[in-house]
Amino acid sequence: MNTEQFEGHTPGPWVAKFDEHGVEGSLVVEGNNDGEFGSYASPLWVGESDKNMPDARLIAAAPDLLAEVKRLREEVYNLTRANDTAWALLEVAGEEE
């Protein structure tokens, strides 16, 4: 996944909630844009129940999920470098025997 395509997105936290001012029954995701919250229309629609609320929550979690992907990539990179270093040291130690 190319995470660079998401640079410049509205920073979190985002919140999923029922739209109080728009079409009755629609869901929106609100995000904090430079200290001002703004609503972004969601493609989700709630009919007879709020069965789509988990999808709205997943959309709202996007900034946190993206941050976690980036953090885990960095951790994997660091662990890989540490592993490579350990193998190189073992090879040097084996050559000295």
C-alpha atoms as a PDB file:
ATOM      1  CA  MET A   1       0.000   0.000   0.000  1.00  0.00           C
ATOM      2  CA  ASN A   2       1.344   3.373  -0.982  1.00  0.00           C
ATOM      3  CA  THR A   3       0.610   5.486   2.097  1.00  0.00           C
ATOM      4  CA  GLU A   4       1.927   8.630   0.387  1.00  0.00           C
ATOM      5  CA  GLN A   5      -1.356   8.883  -1.510  1.00  0.00           C
ATOM      6  CA  PHE A   6      -3.015   9.843   1.772  1.00  0.00           C
ATOM      7  CA  GLU A   7      -0.700  12.747   2.617  1.00  0.00           C
ATOM      8  CA  GLY A   8      -2.662  15.905   3.342  1.00  0.00           C
ATOM      9  CA  HIS A   9      -5.777  14.117   4.580  1.00  0.00           C
ATOM     10  CA  THR A  10      -7.842  15.739   7.305  1.00  0.00           C
ATOM     11  CA  PRO A  11      -6.138  14.822  10.575  1.00  0.00           C
ATOM     12  CA  GLY A  12      -7.940  12.714  13.143  1.00  0.00           C
ATOM     13  CA  PRO A  13      -9.725  12.129  15.264  1.00  0.00           C
ATOM     14  CA  TRP A  14     -12.693  11.444  13.029  1.00  0.00           C
ATOM     15  CA  VAL A  15     -16.108  10.651  14.462  1.00  0.00           C
ATOM     16  CA  ALA A  16     -18.945   8.673  12.879  1.00  0.00           C
ATOM     17  CA  LYS A  17     -22.420   9.873  13.783  1.00  0.00           C
ATOM     18  CA  PHE A  18     -25.905  10.360  12.461  1.00  0.00           C
ATOM     19  CA  ASP A  19     -26.285  13.577  10.489  1.00  0.00           C
ATOM     20  CA  GLU A  20     -28.295  15.954  12.648  1.00  0.00           C
ATOM     21  CA  HIS A  21     -28.605  18.672  10.013  1.00  0.00           C
ATOM     22  CA  GLY A  22     -28.734  16.777   6.743  1.00  0.00           C
ATOM     23  CA  VAL A  23     -30.889  14.045   5.335  1.00  0.00           C
ATOM     24  CA  GLU A  24     -32.607  12.077   8.069  1.00  0.00           C
ATOM     25  CA  GLY A  25     -31.013   8.698   8.597  1.00  0.00           C
ATOM     26  CA  SER A  26     -27.725   9.474   6.841  1.00  0.00           C
ATOM     27  CA  LEU A  27     -24.339   8.980   8.420  1.00  0.00           C
ATOM     28  CA  VAL A  28     -21.490  11.471   8.353  1.00  0.00           C
ATOM     29  CA  VAL A  29     -17.863  11.333   9.361  1.00  0.00           C
ATOM     30  CA  GLU A  30     -16.531  14.445  11.050  1.00  0.00           C
ATOM     31  CA  GLY A  31     -12.869  15.333  11.034  1.00  0.00           C
ATOM     32  CA  ASN A  32     -10.790  18.044  12.645  1.00  0.00           C
ATOM     33  CA  ASN A  33      -9.370  20.361   9.984  1.00  0.00           C
ATOM     34  CA  ASP A  34      -7.069  22.961  11.577  1.00  0.00           C
ATOM     35  CA  GLY A  35      -9.160  23.124  14.734  1.00  0.00           C
ATOM     36  CA  GLU A  36     -12.483  23.291  12.903  1.00  0.00           C
ATOM     37  CA  PHE A  37     -14.688  20.242  12.653  1.00  0.00           C
ATOM     38  CA  GLY A  38     -16.302  19.622   9.307  1.00  0.00           C
ATOM     39  CA  SER A  39     -18.734  16.973   8.161  1.00  0.00           C
ATOM     40  CA  TYR A  40     -17.981  14.797   5.207  1.00  0.00           C
ATOM     41  CA  ALA A  41     -20.869  12.994   3.561  1.00  0.00           C
ATOM     42  CA  SER A  42     -20.629   9.268   3.898  1.00  0.00           C
ATOM     43  CA  PRO A  43     -21.873   6.858   1.240  1.00  0.00           C
ATOM     44  CA  LEU A  44     -23.535   4.891   4.025  1.00  0.00           C
ATOM     45  CA  TRP A  45     -27.252   4.982   4.505  1.00  0.00           C
ATOM     46  CA  VAL A  46     -29.186   3.807   7.496  1.00  0.00           C
ATOM     47  CA  GLY A  47     -32.614   2.443   6.784  1.00  0.00           C
ATOM     48  CA  GLU A  48     -34.519   0.376   9.285  1.00  0.00           C
ATOM     49  CA  SER A  49     -31.552  -0.007  11.658  1.00  0.00           C
ATOM     50  CA  ASP A  50     -28.067   1.285  12.292  1.00  0.00           C
ATOM     51  CA  LYS A  51     -26.451  -1.817  10.828  1.00  0.00           C
ATOM     52  CA  ASN A  52     -24.144   0.433   8.787  1.00  0.00           C
ATOM     53  CA  MET A  53     -22.720   2.182  11.852  1.00  0.00           C
ATOM     54  CA  PRO A  54     -19.775  -0.283  12.079  1.00  0.00           C
ATOM     55  CA  ASP A  55     -18.801   0.711   8.517  1.00  0.00           C
ATOM     56  CA  ALA A  56     -19.004   4.377   9.445  1.00  0.00           C
ATOM     57  CA  ARG A  57     -16.825   3.721  12.505  1.00  0.00           C
ATOM     58  CA  LEU A  58     -14.278   1.943  10.304  1.00  0.00           C
ATOM     59  CA  ILE A  59     -14.175   4.945   7.974  1.00  0.00           C
ATOM     60  CA  ALA A  60     -13.799   7.246  10.977  1.00  0.00           C
ATOM     61  CA  ALA A  61     -10.874   5.127  12.231  1.00  0.00           C
ATOM     62  CA  ALA A  62      -8.953   5.676   8.974  1.00  0.00           C
ATOM     63  CA  PRO A  63      -6.469   8.263  10.359  1.00  0.00           C
ATOM     64  CA  ASP A  64      -5.609   6.011  13.303  1.00  0.00           C
ATOM     65  CA  LEU A  65      -5.299   2.946  11.069  1.00  0.00           C
ATOM     66  CA  LEU A  66      -3.017   4.822   8.671  1.00  0.00           C
ATOM     67  CA  ALA A  67      -0.812   5.970  11.550  1.00  0.00           C
ATOM     68  CA  GLU A  68      -0.585   2.384  12.833  1.00  0.00           C
ATOM     69  CA  VAL A  69       0.394   1.075   9.376  1.00  0.00           C
ATOM     70  CA  LYS A  70       3.172   3.654   9.212  1.00  0.00           C
ATOM     71  CA  ARG A  71       4.346   2.840  12.762  1.00  0.00           C
ATOM     72  CA  LEU A  72       4.408  -0.901  12.077  1.00  0.00           C
ATOM     73  CA  ARG A  73       6.315  -0.413   8.820  1.00  0.00           C
ATOM     74  CA  GLU A  74       8.945   1.576  10.678  1.00  0.00           C
ATOM     75  CA  GLU A  75       9.159  -1.108  13.359  1.00  0.00           C
ATOM     76  CA  VAL A  76       9.551  -3.891  10.775  1.00  0.00           C
ATOM     77  CA  TYR A  77      12.251  -1.857   9.028  1.00  0.00           C
ATOM     78  CA  ASN A  78      14.131  -1.358  12.306  1.00  0.00           C
ATOM     79  CA  LEU A  79      13.819  -5.043  13.256  1.00  0.00           C
ATOM     80  CA  THR A  80      15.062  -6.088   9.814  1.00  0.00           C
ATOM     81  CA  ARG A  81      18.093  -3.825  10.159  1.00  0.00           C
ATOM     82  CA  ALA A  82      18.798  -5.194  13.652  1.00  0.00           C
ATOM     83  CA  ASN A  83      18.487  -8.757  12.332  1.00  0.00           C
ATOM     84  CA  ASP A  84      20.875  -8.028   9.450  1.00  0.00           C
ATOM     85  CA  THR A  85      23.349  -6.526  11.913  1.00  0.00           C
ATOM     86  CA  ALA A  86      23.106  -9.559  14.198  1.00  0.00           C
ATOM     87  CA  TRP A  87      23.786 -11.956  11.302  1.00  0.00           C
ATOM     88  CA  ALA A  88      26.754  -9.860  10.175  1.00  0.00           C
ATOM     89  CA  LEU A  89      28.203  -9.943  13.696  1.00  0.00           C
ATOM     90  CA  LEU A  90      27.727 -13.720  13.874  1.00  0.00           C
ATOM     91  CA  GLU A  91      29.529 -14.123  10.568  1.00  0.00           C
ATOM     92  CA  VAL A  92      32.446 -11.973  11.787  1.00  0.00           C
ATOM     93  CA  ALA A  93      32.580 -13.904  15.073  1.00  0.00           C
ATOM     94  CA  GLY A  94      32.600 -17.197  13.158  1.00  0.00           C
ATOM     95  CA  GLU A  95      35.478 -16.038  10.987  1.00  0.00           C
ATOM     96  CA  GLU A  96      37.563 -15.174  14.056  1.00  0.00           C
ATOM     97  CA  GLU A  97      37.395 -18.704  15.490  1.00  0.00           C
END
